[in-house]
Amino acid sequence: MQRAYLASTRVLSALMLLVGVVMIVSALARGGGALALGVVLGAMLAGIGAARLWLARGRDGGEA
């Protein structure tokens, strides 16, 4: 059960990171500036996803 939790955490974190990057690219491609809503929210979402991945990297699922 712990392995499934860790795997799902990593997958969802990577998905958050990917969605954030796509939001940034989409906002910039549509002519948004550095402070456009899509860029700001995308950067926050990508940062949260990256932080969750970084925090989850130390867990190996061996603890009970």
PDB file of N, CA and C in Angstrom:
ATOM      1  N   MET A   1       0.823  -1.191   0.000  1.00  0.00           N
ATOM      2  CA  MET A   1       0.000   0.000   0.000  1.00  0.00           C
ATOM      3  C   MET A   1       0.871   1.260   0.000  1.00  0.00           C
ATOM      4  N   GLN A   2       1.952   1.244   0.747  1.00  0.00           N
ATOM      5  CA  GLN A   2       2.844   2.394   0.823  1.00  0.00           C
ATOM      6  C   GLN A   2       3.503   2.664  -0.533  1.00  0.00           C
ATOM      7  N   ARG A   3       3.852   1.588  -1.246  1.00  0.00           N
ATOM      8  CA  ARG A   3       4.477   1.770  -2.564  1.00  0.00           C
ATOM      9  C   ARG A   3       3.521   2.418  -3.545  1.00  0.00           C
ATOM     10  N   ALA A   4       2.252   2.019  -3.477  1.00  0.00           N
ATOM     11  CA  ALA A   4       1.249   2.613  -4.362  1.00  0.00           C
ATOM     12  C   ALA A   4       1.071   4.097  -4.050  1.00  0.00           C
ATOM     13  N   TYR A   5       1.088   4.441  -2.767  1.00  0.00           N
ATOM     14  CA  TYR A   5       0.956   5.843  -2.359  1.00  0.00           C
ATOM     15  C   TYR A   5       2.133   6.662  -2.886  1.00  0.00           C
ATOM     16  N   LEU A   6       3.345   6.144  -2.726  1.00  0.00           N
ATOM     17  CA  LEU A   6       4.525   6.874  -3.185  1.00  0.00           C
ATOM     18  C   LEU A   6       4.543   6.997  -4.704  1.00  0.00           C
ATOM     19  N   ALA A   7       4.147   5.936  -5.387  1.00  0.00           N
ATOM     20  CA  ALA A   7       4.113   5.980  -6.852  1.00  0.00           C
ATOM     21  C   ALA A   7       3.075   6.986  -7.337  1.00  0.00           C
ATOM     22  N   SER A   8       1.906   6.995  -6.703  1.00  0.00           N
ATOM     23  CA  SER A   8       0.877   7.939  -7.130  1.00  0.00           C
ATOM     24  C   SER A   8       1.280   9.371  -6.804  1.00  0.00           C
ATOM     25  N   THR A   9       1.976   9.576  -5.698  1.00  0.00           N
ATOM     26  CA  THR A   9       2.466  10.911  -5.364  1.00  0.00           C
ATOM     27  C   THR A   9       3.440  11.402  -6.425  1.00  0.00           C
ATOM     28  N   ARG A  10       4.337  10.544  -6.849  1.00  0.00           N
ATOM     29  CA  ARG A  10       5.312  10.935  -7.872  1.00  0.00           C
ATOM     30  C   ARG A  10       4.645  11.202  -9.213  1.00  0.00           C
ATOM     31  N   VAL A  11       3.686  10.364  -9.573  1.00  0.00           N
ATOM     32  CA  VAL A  11       3.008  10.547 -10.861  1.00  0.00           C
ATOM     33  C   VAL A  11       2.206  11.847 -10.864  1.00  0.00           C
ATOM     34  N   LEU A  12       1.446  12.099  -9.805  1.00  0.00           N
ATOM     35  CA  LEU A  12       0.646  13.317  -9.754  1.00  0.00           C
ATOM     36  C   LEU A  12       1.526  14.569  -9.662  1.00  0.00           C
ATOM     37  N   SER A  13       2.652  14.470  -8.982  1.00  0.00           N
ATOM     38  CA  SER A  13       3.575  15.599  -8.905  1.00  0.00           C
ATOM     39  C   SER A  13       4.173  15.903 -10.276  1.00  0.00           C
ATOM     40  N   ALA A  14       4.550  14.867 -10.993  1.00  0.00           N
ATOM     41  CA  ALA A  14       5.087  15.060 -12.341  1.00  0.00           C
ATOM     42  C   ALA A  14       4.017  15.641 -13.263  1.00  0.00           C
ATOM     43  N   LEU A  15       2.778  15.212 -13.085  1.00  0.00           N
ATOM     44  CA  LEU A  15       1.680  15.752 -13.887  1.00  0.00           C
ATOM     45  C   LEU A  15       1.454  17.228 -13.575  1.00  0.00           C
ATOM     46  N   MET A  16       1.535  17.606 -12.302  1.00  0.00           N
ATOM     47  CA  MET A  16       1.405  19.011 -11.922  1.00  0.00           C
ATOM     48  C   MET A  16       2.520  19.843 -12.559  1.00  0.00           C
ATOM     49  N   LEU A  17       3.719  19.321 -12.535  1.00  0.00           N
ATOM     50  CA  LEU A  17       4.857  20.009 -13.139  1.00  0.00           C
ATOM     51  C   LEU A  17       4.636  20.186 -14.636  1.00  0.00           C
ATOM     52  N   LEU A  18       4.187  19.142 -15.291  1.00  0.00           N
ATOM     53  CA  LEU A  18       3.952  19.198 -16.731  1.00  0.00           C
ATOM     54  C   LEU A  18       2.837  20.178 -17.083  1.00  0.00           C
ATOM     55  N   VAL A  19       1.745  20.156 -16.342  1.00  0.00           N
ATOM     56  CA  VAL A  19       0.636  21.074 -16.600  1.00  0.00           C
ATOM     57  C   VAL A  19       1.085  22.522 -16.387  1.00  0.00           C
ATOM     58  N   GLY A  20       1.894  22.755 -15.376  1.00  0.00           N
ATOM     59  CA  GLY A  20       2.410  24.101 -15.135  1.00  0.00           C
ATOM     60  C   GLY A  20       3.266  24.607 -16.281  1.00  0.00           C
ATOM     61  N   VAL A  21       4.128  23.756 -16.789  1.00  0.00           N
ATOM     62  CA  VAL A  21       4.983  24.148 -17.918  1.00  0.00           C
ATOM     63  C   VAL A  21       4.132  24.404 -19.161  1.00  0.00           C
ATOM     64  N   VAL A  22       3.133  23.562 -19.393  1.00  0.00           N
ATOM     65  CA  VAL A  22       2.251  23.759 -20.545  1.00  0.00           C
ATOM     66  C   VAL A  22       1.476  25.073 -20.417  1.00  0.00           C
ATOM     67  N   MET A  23       1.045  25.410 -19.206  1.00  0.00           N
ATOM     68  CA  MET A  23       0.347  26.682 -18.996  1.00  0.00           C
ATOM     69  C   MET A  23       1.249  27.865 -19.322  1.00  0.00           C
ATOM     70  N   ILE A  24       2.497  27.787 -18.912  1.00  0.00           N
ATOM     71  CA  ILE A  24       3.445  28.868 -19.187  1.00  0.00           C
ATOM     72  C   ILE A  24       3.659  29.014 -20.687  1.00  0.00           C
ATOM     73  N   VAL A  25       3.910  27.906 -21.367  1.00  0.00           N
ATOM     74  CA  VAL A  25       4.157  27.940 -22.809  1.00  0.00           C
ATOM     75  C   VAL A  25       2.925  28.455 -23.544  1.00  0.00           C
ATOM     76  N   SER A  26       1.751  27.999 -23.141  1.00  0.00           N
ATOM     77  CA  SER A  26       0.519  28.430 -23.791  1.00  0.00           C
ATOM     78  C   SER A  26       0.278  29.930 -23.595  1.00  0.00           C
ATOM     79  N   ALA A  27       0.495  30.416 -22.387  1.00  0.00           N
ATOM     80  CA  ALA A  27       0.287  31.839 -22.120  1.00  0.00           C
ATOM     81  C   ALA A  27       1.268  32.701 -22.917  1.00  0.00           C
ATOM     82  N   LEU A  28       2.511  32.272 -22.989  1.00  0.00           N
ATOM     83  CA  LEU A  28       3.506  33.038 -23.745  1.00  0.00           C
ATOM     84  C   LEU A  28       3.242  32.966 -25.244  1.00  0.00           C
ATOM     85  N   ALA A  29       2.769  31.819 -25.729  1.00  0.00           N
ATOM     86  CA  ALA A  29       2.481  31.668 -27.159  1.00  0.00           C
ATOM     87  C   ALA A  29       1.293  32.522 -27.579  1.00  0.00           C
ATOM     88  N   ARG A  30       0.381  32.787 -26.650  1.00  0.00           N
ATOM     89  CA  ARG A  30      -0.789  33.616 -26.966  1.00  0.00           C
ATOM     90  C   ARG A  30      -0.517  35.104 -26.763  1.00  0.00           C
ATOM     91  N   GLY A  31       0.716  35.451 -26.489  1.00  0.00           N
ATOM     92  CA  GLY A  31       1.077  36.857 -26.400  1.00  0.00           C
ATOM     93  C   GLY A  31       1.097  37.424 -24.993  1.00  0.00           C
ATOM     94  N   GLY A  32       1.014  36.575 -23.990  1.00  0.00           N
ATOM     95  CA  GLY A  32       1.054  37.056 -22.616  1.00  0.00           C
ATOM     96  C   GLY A  32       2.459  37.454 -22.208  1.00  0.00           C
ATOM     97  N   GLY A  33       2.536  38.383 -21.306  1.00  0.00           N
ATOM     98  CA  GLY A  33       3.831  38.832 -20.809  1.00  0.00           C
ATOM     99  C   GLY A  33       4.282  37.991 -19.628  1.00  0.00           C
ATOM    100  N   ALA A  34       5.340  38.434 -18.989  1.00  0.00           N
ATOM    101  CA  ALA A  34       5.919  37.685 -17.874  1.00  0.00           C
ATOM    102  C   ALA A  34       4.980  37.645 -16.664  1.00  0.00           C
ATOM    103  N   LEU A  35       4.096  38.634 -16.542  1.00  0.00           N
ATOM    104  CA  LEU A  35       3.180  38.668 -15.403  1.00  0.00           C
ATOM    105  C   LEU A  35       1.752  38.282 -15.788  1.00  0.00           C
ATOM    106  N   ALA A  36       1.594  37.631 -16.929  1.00  0.00           N
ATOM    107  CA  ALA A  36       0.271  37.162 -17.336  1.00  0.00           C
ATOM    108  C   ALA A  36      -0.207  36.100 -16.350  1.00  0.00           C
ATOM    109  N   LEU A  37      -1.520  36.018 -16.191  1.00  0.00           N
ATOM    110  CA  LEU A  37      -2.096  35.087 -15.224  1.00  0.00           C
ATOM    111  C   LEU A  37      -1.662  33.648 -15.495  1.00  0.00           C
ATOM    112  N   GLY A  38      -1.652  33.240 -16.749  1.00  0.00           N
ATOM    113  CA  GLY A  38      -1.249  31.873 -17.092  1.00  0.00           C
ATOM    114  C   GLY A  38       0.208  31.590 -16.745  1.00  0.00           C
ATOM    115  N   VAL A  39       1.048  32.588 -16.904  1.00  0.00           N
ATOM    116  CA  VAL A  39       2.469  32.420 -16.583  1.00  0.00           C
ATOM    117  C   VAL A  39       2.653  32.315 -15.072  1.00  0.00           C
ATOM    118  N   VAL A  40       1.981  33.186 -14.335  1.00  0.00           N
ATOM    119  CA  VAL A  40       2.131  33.184 -12.877  1.00  0.00           C
ATOM    120  C   VAL A  40       1.567  31.893 -12.275  1.00  0.00           C
ATOM    121  N   LEU A  41       0.356  31.530 -12.669  1.00  0.00           N
ATOM    122  CA  LEU A  41      -0.238  30.298 -12.136  1.00  0.00           C
ATOM    123  C   LEU A  41       0.524  29.067 -12.600  1.00  0.00           C
ATOM    124  N   GLY A  42       0.992  29.082 -13.838  1.00  0.00           N
ATOM    125  CA  GLY A  42       1.783  27.965 -14.345  1.00  0.00           C
ATOM    126  C   GLY A  42       3.096  27.801 -13.588  1.00  0.00           C
ATOM    127  N   ALA A  43       3.734  28.920 -13.280  1.00  0.00           N
ATOM    128  CA  ALA A  43       4.987  28.865 -12.523  1.00  0.00           C
ATOM    129  C   ALA A  43       4.743  28.335 -11.109  1.00  0.00           C
ATOM    130  N   MET A  44       3.642  28.763 -10.516  1.00  0.00           N
ATOM    131  CA  MET A  44       3.334  28.267  -9.169  1.00  0.00           C
ATOM    132  C   MET A  44       3.026  26.770  -9.196  1.00  0.00           C
ATOM    133  N   LEU A  45       2.246  26.335 -10.181  1.00  0.00           N
ATOM    134  CA  LEU A  45       1.899  24.924 -10.286  1.00  0.00           C
ATOM    135  C   LEU A  45       3.138  24.077 -10.577  1.00  0.00           C
ATOM    136  N   ALA A  46       3.989  24.557 -11.470  1.00  0.00           N
ATOM    137  CA  ALA A  46       5.221  23.838 -11.778  1.00  0.00           C
ATOM    138  C   ALA A  46       6.137  23.784 -10.555  1.00  0.00           C
ATOM    139  N   GLY A  47       6.197  24.882  -9.809  1.00  0.00           N
ATOM    140  CA  GLY A  47       7.027  24.901  -8.598  1.00  0.00           C
ATOM    141  C   GLY A  47       6.524  23.940  -7.538  1.00  0.00           C
ATOM    142  N   ILE A  48       5.217  23.887  -7.365  1.00  0.00           N
ATOM    143  CA  ILE A  48       4.646  22.954  -6.387  1.00  0.00           C
ATOM    144  C   ILE A  48       4.906  21.513  -6.812  1.00  0.00           C
ATOM    145  N   GLY A  49       4.719  21.226  -8.095  1.00  0.00           N
ATOM    146  CA  GLY A  49       4.974  19.874  -8.585  1.00  0.00           C
ATOM    147  C   GLY A  49       6.431  19.470  -8.427  1.00  0.00           C
ATOM    148  N   ALA A  50       7.337  20.400  -8.740  1.00  0.00           N
ATOM    149  CA  ALA A  50       8.767  20.112  -8.602  1.00  0.00           C
ATOM    150  C   ALA A  50       9.147  19.917  -7.138  1.00  0.00           C
ATOM    151  N   ALA A  51       8.567  20.728  -6.256  1.00  0.00           N
ATOM    152  CA  ALA A  51       8.870  20.590  -4.829  1.00  0.00           C
ATOM    153  C   ALA A  51       8.366  19.253  -4.281  1.00  0.00           C
ATOM    154  N   ARG A  52       7.176  18.852  -4.722  1.00  0.00           N
ATOM    155  CA  ARG A  52       6.652  17.556  -4.263  1.00  0.00           C
ATOM    156  C   ARG A  52       7.518  16.403  -4.758  1.00  0.00           C
ATOM    157  N   LEU A  53       7.992  16.504  -5.997  1.00  0.00           N
ATOM    158  CA  LEU A  53       8.889  15.467  -6.521  1.00  0.00           C
ATOM    159  C   LEU A  53      10.194  15.439  -5.733  1.00  0.00           C
ATOM    160  N   TRP A  54      10.725  16.608  -5.418  1.00  0.00           N
ATOM    161  CA  TRP A  54      11.980  16.688  -4.682  1.00  0.00           C
ATOM    162  C   TRP A  54      11.824  16.126  -3.271  1.00  0.00           C
ATOM    163  N   LEU A  55      10.704  16.434  -2.627  1.00  0.00           N
ATOM    164  CA  LEU A  55      10.472  15.921  -1.279  1.00  0.00           C
ATOM    165  C   LEU A  55      10.211  14.422  -1.277  1.00  0.00           C
ATOM    166  N   ALA A  56       9.606  13.904  -2.336  1.00  0.00           N
ATOM    167  CA  ALA A  56       9.286  12.483  -2.402  1.00  0.00           C
ATOM    168  C   ALA A  56      10.477  11.631  -2.815  1.00  0.00           C
ATOM    169  N   ARG A  57      11.557  12.252  -3.271  1.00  0.00           N
ATOM    170  CA  ARG A  57      12.694  11.470  -3.767  1.00  0.00           C
ATOM    171  C   ARG A  57      13.400  10.689  -2.671  1.00  0.00           C
ATOM    172  N   GLY A  58      13.354  11.161  -1.434  1.00  0.00           N
ATOM    173  CA  GLY A  58      14.059  10.496  -0.346  1.00  0.00           C
ATOM    174  C   GLY A  58      13.316   9.315   0.237  1.00  0.00           C
ATOM    175  N   ARG A  59      12.069   9.159  -0.110  1.00  0.00           N
ATOM    176  CA  ARG A  59      11.271   8.064   0.448  1.00  0.00           C
ATOM    177  C   ARG A  59      11.389   6.842  -0.445  1.00  0.00           C
ATOM    178  N   ASP A  60      11.696   5.735   0.147  1.00  0.00           N
ATOM    179  CA  ASP A  60      11.835   4.511  -0.633  1.00  0.00           C
ATOM    180  C   ASP A  60      10.706   3.525  -0.383  1.00  0.00           C
ATOM    181  N   GLY A  61       9.815   3.819   0.531  1.00  0.00           N
ATOM    182  CA  GLY A  61       8.698   2.937   0.794  1.00  0.00           C
ATOM    183  C   GLY A  61       9.040   1.816   1.768  1.00  0.00           C
ATOM    184  N   GLY A  62      10.228   1.817   2.348  1.00  0.00           N
ATOM    185  CA  GLY A  62      10.644   0.756   3.252  1.00  0.00           C
ATOM    186  C   GLY A  62      10.152   0.922   4.672  1.00  0.00           C
ATOM    187  N   GLU A  63       9.644   2.112   5.001  1.00  0.00           N
ATOM    188  CA  GLU A  63       9.182   2.348   6.372  1.00  0.00           C
ATOM    189  C   GLU A  63       7.773   1.822   6.543  1.00  0.00           C
ATOM    190  N   ALA A  64       7.477   1.379   7.753  1.00  0.00           N
ATOM    191  CA  ALA A  64       6.152   0.828   8.013  1.00  0.00           C
ATOM    192  C   ALA A  64       5.206   1.897   8.515  1.00  0.00           C
TER     193      ALA A  64
END
